Amino acid sequence: MNLEFPHKAPKDYSYEFEQFNVSTIRIMLRCHKKFDYNLGAPTSTVWGFYKPKKRVYYAPINSKTIGAQVNIEDTRNYTAMPIKQTALEACFV
């Protein structure tokens, strides 16, 4: 799967790209740190979704539901979900 994904995974993380349906790829963020609650197995969360034919990224609602289209420039390496900030909070970013 050839995907032009611009983000680099944070330390102790990696990305996994899996076919979600015929037209969509689900991008998972896998954490390789060890946790006691799951006997040390890696954990993962959905980063977002990508439609290769349209070359468009989408924020996740959950791991099985595609949300709104996002500009890749507005996403972060941990998630495609947009940050909702007040005007005051935006001054500190």
PDB file of N, CA and C in Angstrom:
ATOM      1  N   MET A   1       0.845  -1.168   0.000  1.00  0.00           N
ATOM      2  CA  MET A   1       0.000   0.000   0.000  1.00  0.00           C
ATOM      3  C   MET A   1       0.898   1.242   0.000  1.00  0.00           C
ATOM      4  N   ASN A   2       0.804   2.015  -1.042  1.00  0.00           N
ATOM      5  CA  ASN A   2       1.640   3.203  -1.175  1.00  0.00           C
ATOM      6  C   ASN A   2       0.829   4.424  -0.746  1.00  0.00           C
ATOM      7  N   LEU A   3       1.154   4.960   0.412  1.00  0.00           N
ATOM      8  CA  LEU A   3       0.421   6.091   0.959  1.00  0.00           C
ATOM      9  C   LEU A   3       1.399   7.206   1.266  1.00  0.00           C
ATOM     10  N   GLU A   4       1.116   8.387   0.757  1.00  0.00           N
ATOM     11  CA  GLU A   4       1.962   9.550   1.007  1.00  0.00           C
ATOM     12  C   GLU A   4       1.517  10.203   2.308  1.00  0.00           C
ATOM     13  N   PHE A   5       1.974   9.689   3.410  1.00  0.00           N
ATOM     14  CA  PHE A   5       1.555  10.183   4.723  1.00  0.00           C
ATOM     15  C   PHE A   5       2.641  11.099   5.269  1.00  0.00           C
ATOM     16  N   PRO A   6       2.308  12.369   5.556  1.00  0.00           N
ATOM     17  CA  PRO A   6       3.337  13.348   5.894  1.00  0.00           C
ATOM     18  C   PRO A   6       3.863  13.308   7.330  1.00  0.00           C
ATOM     19  N   HIS A   7       3.130  12.680   8.249  1.00  0.00           N
ATOM     20  CA  HIS A   7       3.534  12.712   9.649  1.00  0.00           C
ATOM     21  C   HIS A   7       4.564  11.624   9.960  1.00  0.00           C
ATOM     22  N   LYS A   8       5.424  11.914  10.924  1.00  0.00           N
ATOM     23  CA  LYS A   8       6.333  10.911  11.466  1.00  0.00           C
ATOM     24  C   LYS A   8       5.758  10.462  12.802  1.00  0.00           C
ATOM     25  N   ALA A   9       5.824   9.189  13.053  1.00  0.00           N
ATOM     26  CA  ALA A   9       5.281   8.658  14.298  1.00  0.00           C
ATOM     27  C   ALA A   9       6.062   9.187  15.499  1.00  0.00           C
ATOM     28  N   PRO A  10       5.372   9.528  16.593  1.00  0.00           N
ATOM     29  CA  PRO A  10       6.070   9.948  17.813  1.00  0.00           C
ATOM     30  C   PRO A  10       6.926   8.804  18.359  1.00  0.00           C
ATOM     31  N   LYS A  11       7.817   9.125  19.285  1.00  0.00           N
ATOM     32  CA  LYS A  11       8.679   8.107  19.895  1.00  0.00           C
ATOM     33  C   LYS A  11       7.818   7.010  20.531  1.00  0.00           C
ATOM     34  N   ASP A  12       8.198   5.770  20.345  1.00  0.00           N
ATOM     35  CA  ASP A  12       7.513   4.574  20.854  1.00  0.00           C
ATOM     36  C   ASP A  12       6.166   4.320  20.171  1.00  0.00           C
ATOM     37  N   TYR A  13       5.919   4.942  19.025  1.00  0.00           N
ATOM     38  CA  TYR A  13       4.680   4.733  18.265  1.00  0.00           C
ATOM     39  C   TYR A  13       5.030   4.366  16.830  1.00  0.00           C
ATOM     40  N   SER A  14       4.055   3.790  16.125  1.00  0.00           N
ATOM     41  CA  SER A  14       4.182   3.552  14.694  1.00  0.00           C
ATOM     42  C   SER A  14       2.789   3.647  14.072  1.00  0.00           C
ATOM     43  N   TYR A  15       2.756   3.834  12.761  1.00  0.00           N
ATOM     44  CA  TYR A  15       1.490   3.889  12.035  1.00  0.00           C
ATOM     45  C   TYR A  15       1.264   2.574  11.329  1.00  0.00           C
ATOM     46  N   GLU A  16       0.003   2.167  11.261  1.00  0.00           N
ATOM     47  CA  GLU A  16      -0.390   0.999  10.483  1.00  0.00           C
ATOM     48  C   GLU A  16      -1.504   1.444   9.550  1.00  0.00           C
ATOM     49  N   PHE A  17      -1.413   1.024   8.306  1.00  0.00           N
ATOM     50  CA  PHE A  17      -2.392   1.385   7.293  1.00  0.00           C
ATOM     51  C   PHE A  17      -3.129   0.116   6.892  1.00  0.00           C
ATOM     52  N   GLU A  18      -4.439   0.125   7.059  1.00  0.00           N
ATOM     53  CA  GLU A  18      -5.225  -1.069   6.754  1.00  0.00           C
ATOM     54  C   GLU A  18      -6.425  -0.700   5.899  1.00  0.00           C
ATOM     55  N   GLN A  19      -6.815  -1.621   5.029  1.00  0.00           N
ATOM     56  CA  GLN A  19      -7.973  -1.381   4.170  1.00  0.00           C
ATOM     57  C   GLN A  19      -9.225  -1.402   5.038  1.00  0.00           C
ATOM     58  N   PHE A  20      -9.962  -0.291   5.056  1.00  0.00           N
ATOM     59  CA  PHE A  20     -11.173  -0.163   5.865  1.00  0.00           C
ATOM     60  C   PHE A  20     -12.379  -0.621   5.066  1.00  0.00           C
ATOM     61  N   ASN A  21     -12.481  -0.156   3.838  1.00  0.00           N
ATOM     62  CA  ASN A  21     -13.490  -0.626   2.885  1.00  0.00           C
ATOM     63  C   ASN A  21     -12.892  -0.463   1.495  1.00  0.00           C
ATOM     64  N   VAL A  22     -13.683  -0.603   0.470  1.00  0.00           N
ATOM     65  CA  VAL A  22     -13.169  -0.590  -0.896  1.00  0.00           C
ATOM     66  C   VAL A  22     -12.449   0.722  -1.224  1.00  0.00           C
ATOM     67  N   SER A  23     -12.947   1.839  -0.712  1.00  0.00           N
ATOM     68  CA  SER A  23     -12.392   3.141  -1.107  1.00  0.00           C
ATOM     69  C   SER A  23     -11.611   3.856  -0.012  1.00  0.00           C
ATOM     70  N   THR A  24     -11.466   3.240   1.161  1.00  0.00           N
ATOM     71  CA  THR A  24     -10.909   3.961   2.304  1.00  0.00           C
ATOM     72  C   THR A  24      -9.840   3.147   3.031  1.00  0.00           C
ATOM     73  N   ILE A  25      -8.808   3.867   3.467  1.00  0.00           N
ATOM     74  CA  ILE A  25      -7.751   3.273   4.295  1.00  0.00           C
ATOM     75  C   ILE A  25      -7.894   3.840   5.705  1.00  0.00           C
ATOM     76  N   ARG A  26      -7.834   2.972   6.696  1.00  0.00           N
ATOM     77  CA  ARG A  26      -7.846   3.411   8.096  1.00  0.00           C
ATOM     78  C   ARG A  26      -6.400   3.495   8.567  1.00  0.00           C
ATOM     79  N   ILE A  27      -6.054   4.620   9.183  1.00  0.00           N
ATOM     80  CA  ILE A  27      -4.698   4.830   9.687  1.00  0.00           C
ATOM     81  C   ILE A  27      -4.741   4.658  11.202  1.00  0.00           C
ATOM     82  N   MET A  28      -4.017   3.658  11.687  1.00  0.00           N
ATOM     83  CA  MET A  28      -3.980   3.363  13.113  1.00  0.00           C
ATOM     84  C   MET A  28      -2.658   3.845  13.695  1.00  0.00           C
ATOM     85  N   LEU A  29      -2.708   4.358  14.911  1.00  0.00           N
ATOM     86  CA  LEU A  29      -1.512   4.759  15.645  1.00  0.00           C
ATOM     87  C   LEU A  29      -1.292   3.719  16.735  1.00  0.00           C
ATOM     88  N   ARG A  30      -0.191   2.992  16.634  1.00  0.00           N
ATOM     89  CA  ARG A  30       0.094   1.906  17.582  1.00  0.00           C
ATOM     90  C   ARG A  30       1.154   2.355  18.573  1.00  0.00           C
ATOM     91  N   CYS A  31       0.856   2.150  19.856  1.00  0.00           N
ATOM     92  CA  CYS A  31       1.777   2.487  20.935  1.00  0.00           C
ATOM     93  C   CYS A  31       2.523   1.221  21.354  1.00  0.00           C
ATOM     94  N   HIS A  32       3.847   1.300  21.404  1.00  0.00           N
ATOM     95  CA  HIS A  32       4.661   0.130  21.729  1.00  0.00           C
ATOM     96  C   HIS A  32       5.147   0.114  23.179  1.00  0.00           C
ATOM     97  N   LYS A  33       4.643   1.039  23.986  1.00  0.00           N
ATOM     98  CA  LYS A  33       4.989   1.024  25.412  1.00  0.00           C
ATOM     99  C   LYS A  33       4.255  -0.135  26.079  1.00  0.00           C
ATOM    100  N   LYS A  34       4.806  -0.639  27.141  1.00  0.00           N
ATOM    101  CA  LYS A  34       4.205  -1.775  27.854  1.00  0.00           C
ATOM    102  C   LYS A  34       3.246  -1.263  28.941  1.00  0.00           C
ATOM    103  N   PHE A  35       2.056  -1.842  28.971  1.00  0.00           N
ATOM    104  CA  PHE A  35       1.053  -1.503  29.977  1.00  0.00           C
ATOM    105  C   PHE A  35       0.637  -2.771  30.718  1.00  0.00           C
ATOM    106  N   ASP A  36       0.435  -2.650  32.012  1.00  0.00           N
ATOM    107  CA  ASP A  36       0.050  -3.806  32.813  1.00  0.00           C
ATOM    108  C   ASP A  36      -1.361  -4.294  32.517  1.00  0.00           C
ATOM    109  N   TYR A  37      -2.264  -3.382  32.187  1.00  0.00           N
ATOM    110  CA  TYR A  37      -3.669  -3.767  32.056  1.00  0.00           C
ATOM    111  C   TYR A  37      -3.919  -4.717  30.890  1.00  0.00           C
ATOM    112  N   ASN A  38      -3.026  -4.760  29.907  1.00  0.00           N
ATOM    113  CA  ASN A  38      -3.229  -5.667  28.776  1.00  0.00           C
ATOM    114  C   ASN A  38      -2.061  -6.648  28.600  1.00  0.00           C
ATOM    115  N   LEU A  39      -1.386  -6.932  29.695  1.00  0.00           N
ATOM    116  CA  LEU A  39      -0.284  -7.897  29.727  1.00  0.00           C
ATOM    117  C   LEU A  39       0.870  -7.496  28.807  1.00  0.00           C
ATOM    118  N   GLY A  40       1.070  -6.202  28.617  1.00  0.00           N
ATOM    119  CA  GLY A  40       2.208  -5.717  27.858  1.00  0.00           C
ATOM    120  C   GLY A  40       2.032  -5.678  26.353  1.00  0.00           C
ATOM    121  N   ALA A  41       0.853  -6.038  25.852  1.00  0.00           N
ATOM    122  CA  ALA A  41       0.626  -6.017  24.404  1.00  0.00           C
ATOM    123  C   ALA A  41       0.532  -4.571  23.915  1.00  0.00           C
ATOM    124  N   PRO A  42       0.949  -4.304  22.681  1.00  0.00           N
ATOM    125  CA  PRO A  42       0.832  -2.945  22.146  1.00  0.00           C
ATOM    126  C   PRO A  42      -0.640  -2.515  22.074  1.00  0.00           C
ATOM    127  N   THR A  43      -0.878  -1.240  22.247  1.00  0.00           N
ATOM    128  CA  THR A  43      -2.228  -0.698  22.132  1.00  0.00           C
ATOM    129  C   THR A  43      -2.298   0.161  20.880  1.00  0.00           C
ATOM    130  N   SER A  44      -3.507   0.386  20.383  1.00  0.00           N
ATOM    131  CA  SER A  44      -3.629   1.218  19.198  1.00  0.00           C
ATOM    132  C   SER A  44      -4.906   2.042  19.258  1.00  0.00           C
ATOM    133  N   THR A  45      -4.892   3.109  18.488  1.00  0.00           N
ATOM    134  CA  THR A  45      -6.043   3.992  18.353  1.00  0.00           C
ATOM    135  C   THR A  45      -6.122   4.418  16.903  1.00  0.00           C
ATOM    136  N   VAL A  46      -7.292   4.822  16.474  1.00  0.00           N
ATOM    137  CA  VAL A  46      -7.428   5.264  15.091  1.00  0.00           C
ATOM    138  C   VAL A  46      -6.914   6.699  14.972  1.00  0.00           C
ATOM    139  N   TRP A  47      -6.000   6.933  14.025  1.00  0.00           N
ATOM    140  CA  TRP A  47      -5.515   8.284  13.753  1.00  0.00           C
ATOM    141  C   TRP A  47      -6.529   9.010  12.875  1.00  0.00           C
ATOM    142  N   GLY A  48      -6.990   8.338  11.844  1.00  0.00           N
ATOM    143  CA  GLY A  48      -7.945   8.929  10.911  1.00  0.00           C
ATOM    144  C   GLY A  48      -8.152   8.012   9.728  1.00  0.00           C
ATOM    145  N   PHE A  49      -8.747   8.553   8.673  1.00  0.00           N
ATOM    146  CA  PHE A  49      -9.053   7.790   7.472  1.00  0.00           C
ATOM    147  C   PHE A  49      -8.542   8.545   6.250  1.00  0.00           C
ATOM    148  N   TYR A  50      -8.282   7.784   5.167  1.00  0.00           N
ATOM    149  CA  TYR A  50      -7.768   8.383   3.941  1.00  0.00           C
ATOM    150  C   TYR A  50      -8.451   7.732   2.750  1.00  0.00           C
ATOM    151  N   LYS A  51      -8.879   8.571   1.796  1.00  0.00           N
ATOM    152  CA  LYS A  51      -9.468   8.072   0.550  1.00  0.00           C
ATOM    153  C   LYS A  51      -8.471   8.354  -0.569  1.00  0.00           C
ATOM    154  N   PRO A  52      -7.756   7.323  -1.032  1.00  0.00           N
ATOM    155  CA  PRO A  52      -6.691   7.523  -2.023  1.00  0.00           C
ATOM    156  C   PRO A  52      -7.157   8.117  -3.349  1.00  0.00           C
ATOM    157  N   LYS A  53      -8.329   7.743  -3.840  1.00  0.00           N
ATOM    158  CA  LYS A  53      -8.781   8.267  -5.128  1.00  0.00           C
ATOM    159  C   LYS A  53      -9.017   9.776  -5.065  1.00  0.00           C
ATOM    160  N   LYS A  54      -9.535  10.248  -3.947  1.00  0.00           N
ATOM    161  CA  LYS A  54      -9.781  11.682  -3.763  1.00  0.00           C
ATOM    162  C   LYS A  54      -8.571  12.394  -3.174  1.00  0.00           C
ATOM    163  N   ARG A  55      -7.650  11.599  -2.588  1.00  0.00           N
ATOM    164  CA  ARG A  55      -6.476  12.126  -1.879  1.00  0.00           C
ATOM    165  C   ARG A  55      -6.909  13.072  -0.754  1.00  0.00           C
ATOM    166  N   VAL A  56      -7.840  12.588   0.062  1.00  0.00           N
ATOM    167  CA  VAL A  56      -8.444  13.386   1.127  1.00  0.00           C
ATOM    168  C   VAL A  56      -8.388  12.608   2.437  1.00  0.00           C
ATOM    169  N   TYR A  57      -8.096  13.335   3.533  1.00  0.00           N
ATOM    170  CA  TYR A  57      -8.062  12.747   4.879  1.00  0.00           C
ATOM    171  C   TYR A  57      -9.329  13.114   5.628  1.00  0.00           C
ATOM    172  N   TYR A  58      -9.720  12.232   6.563  1.00  0.00           N
ATOM    173  CA  TYR A  58     -10.913  12.440   7.374  1.00  0.00           C
ATOM    174  C   TYR A  58     -10.594  12.180   8.839  1.00  0.00           C
ATOM    175  N   ALA A  59     -11.188  12.974   9.707  1.00  0.00           N
ATOM    176  CA  ALA A  59     -11.061  12.749  11.144  1.00  0.00           C
ATOM    177  C   ALA A  59     -11.934  11.548  11.517  1.00  0.00           C
ATOM    178  N   PRO A  60     -11.571  10.834  12.567  1.00  0.00           N
ATOM    179  CA  PRO A  60     -12.417   9.725  13.000  1.00  0.00           C
ATOM    180  C   PRO A  60     -13.491  10.199  13.988  1.00  0.00           C
ATOM    181  N   ILE A  61     -14.628   9.549  13.959  1.00  0.00           N
ATOM    182  CA  ILE A  61     -15.599   9.689  15.046  1.00  0.00           C
ATOM    183  C   ILE A  61     -15.297   8.593  16.049  1.00  0.00           C
ATOM    184  N   ASN A  62     -15.069   7.399  15.542  1.00  0.00           N
ATOM    185  CA  ASN A  62     -14.543   6.276  16.314  1.00  0.00           C
ATOM    186  C   ASN A  62     -13.841   5.356  15.319  1.00  0.00           C
ATOM    187  N   SER A  63     -13.426   4.193  15.736  1.00  0.00           N
ATOM    188  CA  SER A  63     -12.623   3.334  14.856  1.00  0.00           C
ATOM    189  C   SER A  63     -13.403   2.777  13.666  1.00  0.00           C
ATOM    190  N   LYS A  64     -14.727   2.876  13.693  1.00  0.00           N
ATOM    191  CA  LYS A  64     -15.539   2.335  12.610  1.00  0.00           C
ATOM    192  C   LYS A  64     -16.355   3.396  11.874  1.00  0.00           C
ATOM    193  N   THR A  65     -16.202   4.674  12.267  1.00  0.00           N
ATOM    194  CA  THR A  65     -17.007   5.734  11.673  1.00  0.00           C
ATOM    195  C   THR A  65     -16.124   6.886  11.206  1.00  0.00           C
ATOM    196  N   ILE A  66     -16.283   7.228   9.923  1.00  0.00           N
ATOM    197  CA  ILE A  66     -15.521   8.329   9.336  1.00  0.00           C
ATOM    198  C   ILE A  66     -16.218   9.639   9.656  1.00  0.00           C
ATOM    199  N   GLY A  67     -15.428  10.630  10.073  1.00  0.00           N
ATOM    200  CA  GLY A  67     -15.961  11.940  10.407  1.00  0.00           C
ATOM    201  C   GLY A  67     -15.789  12.929   9.271  1.00  0.00           C
ATOM    202  N   ALA A  68     -15.589  14.180   9.623  1.00  0.00           N
ATOM    203  CA  ALA A  68     -15.488  15.270   8.657  1.00  0.00           C
ATOM    204  C   ALA A  68     -14.139  15.272   7.948  1.00  0.00           C
ATOM    205  N   GLN A  69     -14.137  15.785   6.731  1.00  0.00           N
ATOM    206  CA  GLN A  69     -12.898  15.960   5.964  1.00  0.00           C
ATOM    207  C   GLN A  69     -12.025  16.986   6.666  1.00  0.00           C
ATOM    208  N   VAL A  70     -10.712  16.731   6.693  1.00  0.00           N
ATOM    209  CA  VAL A  70      -9.767  17.644   7.327  1.00  0.00           C
ATOM    210  C   VAL A  70      -8.646  17.986   6.355  1.00  0.00           C
ATOM    211  N   ASN A  71      -8.056  19.133   6.554  1.00  0.00           N
ATOM    212  CA  ASN A  71      -6.858  19.525   5.815  1.00  0.00           C
ATOM    213  C   ASN A  71      -5.675  18.879   6.525  1.00  0.00           C
ATOM    214  N   ILE A  72      -4.857  18.147   5.798  1.00  0.00           N
ATOM    215  CA  ILE A  72      -3.733  17.437   6.427  1.00  0.00           C
ATOM    216  C   ILE A  72      -2.804  18.398   7.149  1.00  0.00           C
ATOM    217  N   GLU A  73      -2.732  19.642   6.716  1.00  0.00           N
ATOM    218  CA  GLU A  73      -1.894  20.647   7.362  1.00  0.00           C
ATOM    219  C   GLU A  73      -2.384  20.986   8.768  1.00  0.00           C
ATOM    220  N   ASP A  74      -3.665  20.745   9.029  1.00  0.00           N
ATOM    221  CA  ASP A  74      -4.250  21.055  10.332  1.00  0.00           C
ATOM    222  C   ASP A  74      -4.251  19.868  11.287  1.00  0.00           C
ATOM    223  N   THR A  75      -3.687  18.747  10.860  1.00  0.00           N
ATOM    224  CA  THR A  75      -3.664  17.558  11.710  1.00  0.00           C
ATOM    225  C   THR A  75      -2.339  17.469  12.451  1.00  0.00           C
ATOM    226  N   ARG A  76      -2.310  16.596  13.448  1.00  0.00           N
ATOM    227  CA  ARG A  76      -1.093  16.368  14.230  1.00  0.00           C
ATOM    228  C   ARG A  76      -0.690  14.909  14.098  1.00  0.00           C
ATOM    229  N   ASN A  77       0.489  14.573  14.578  1.00  0.00           N
ATOM    230  CA  ASN A  77       0.943  13.191  14.426  1.00  0.00           C
ATOM    231  C   ASN A  77       0.193  12.214  15.336  1.00  0.00           C
ATOM    232  N   TYR A  78      -0.535  12.702  16.326  1.00  0.00           N
ATOM    233  CA  TYR A  78      -1.308  11.813  17.203  1.00  0.00           C
ATOM    234  C   TYR A  78      -2.733  11.592  16.723  1.00  0.00           C
ATOM    235  N   THR A  79      -3.315  12.543  15.987  1.00  0.00           N
ATOM    236  CA  THR A  79      -4.706  12.401  15.563  1.00  0.00           C
ATOM    237  C   THR A  79      -5.050  13.367  14.441  1.00  0.00           C
ATOM    238  N   ALA A  80      -6.066  13.004  13.674  1.00  0.00           N
ATOM    239  CA  ALA A  80      -6.580  13.888  12.635  1.00  0.00           C
ATOM    240  C   ALA A  80      -7.721  14.745  13.170  1.00  0.00           C
ATOM    241  N   MET A  81      -8.153  14.485  14.389  1.00  0.00           N
ATOM    242  CA  MET A  81      -9.272  15.251  14.948  1.00  0.00           C
ATOM    243  C   MET A  81      -8.832  16.686  15.206  1.00  0.00           C
ATOM    244  N   PRO A  82      -9.642  17.640  14.755  1.00  0.00           N
ATOM    245  CA  PRO A  82      -9.273  19.049  14.954  1.00  0.00           C
ATOM    246  C   PRO A  82      -9.378  19.455  16.421  1.00  0.00           C
ATOM    247  N   ILE A  83      -8.529  20.393  16.806  1.00  0.00           N
ATOM    248  CA  ILE A  83      -8.573  20.930  18.164  1.00  0.00           C
ATOM    249  C   ILE A  83      -9.515  22.131  18.158  1.00  0.00           C
ATOM    250  N   LYS A  84     -10.476  22.123  19.028  1.00  0.00           N
ATOM    251  CA  LYS A  84     -11.376  23.262  19.154  1.00  0.00           C
ATOM    252  C   LYS A  84     -10.818  24.172  20.234  1.00  0.00           C
ATOM    253  N   GLN A  85     -10.422  25.366  19.830  1.00  0.00           N
ATOM    254  CA  GLN A  85      -9.803  26.300  20.757  1.00  0.00           C
ATOM    255  C   GLN A  85     -10.629  27.584  20.843  1.00  0.00           C
ATOM    256  N   THR A  86     -10.604  28.173  21.995  1.00  0.00           N
ATOM    257  CA  THR A  86     -11.162  29.504  22.144  1.00  0.00           C
ATOM    258  C   THR A  86     -10.135  30.501  21.608  1.00  0.00           C
ATOM    259  N   ALA A  87     -10.537  31.735  21.419  1.00  0.00           N
ATOM    260  CA  ALA A  87      -9.617  32.759  20.921  1.00  0.00           C
ATOM    261  C   ALA A  87      -8.432  32.939  21.882  1.00  0.00           C
ATOM    262  N   LEU A  88      -8.697  32.867  23.177  1.00  0.00           N
ATOM    263  CA  LEU A  88      -7.631  33.011  24.156  1.00  0.00           C
ATOM    264  C   LEU A  88      -6.652  31.848  24.075  1.00  0.00           C
ATOM    265  N   GLU A  89      -7.148  30.636  23.939  1.00  0.00           N
ATOM    266  CA  GLU A  89      -6.267  29.467  23.835  1.00  0.00           C
ATOM    267  C   GLU A  89      -5.411  29.521  22.574  1.00  0.00           C
ATOM    268  N   ALA A  90      -5.953  30.040  21.496  1.00  0.00           N
ATOM    269  CA  ALA A  90      -5.209  30.122  20.251  1.00  0.00           C
ATOM    270  C   ALA A  90      -3.999  31.046  20.371  1.00  0.00           C
ATOM    271  N   CYS A  91      -4.061  31.997  21.263  1.00  0.00           N
ATOM    272  CA  CYS A  91      -2.930  32.913  21.469  1.00  0.00           C
ATOM    273  C   CYS A  91      -1.706  32.216  22.044  1.00  0.00           C
ATOM    274  N   PHE A  92      -1.887  31.096  22.723  1.00  0.00           N
ATOM    275  CA  PHE A  92      -0.786  30.384  23.377  1.00  0.00           C
ATOM    276  C   PHE A  92      -0.204  29.266  22.536  1.00  0.00           C
ATOM    277  N   VAL A  93      -0.780  29.001  21.392  1.00  0.00           N
ATOM    278  CA  VAL A  93      -0.306  27.903  20.541  1.00  0.00           C
ATOM    279  C   VAL A  93       0.669  28.391  19.513  1.00  0.00           C
TER     280      VAL A  93
END
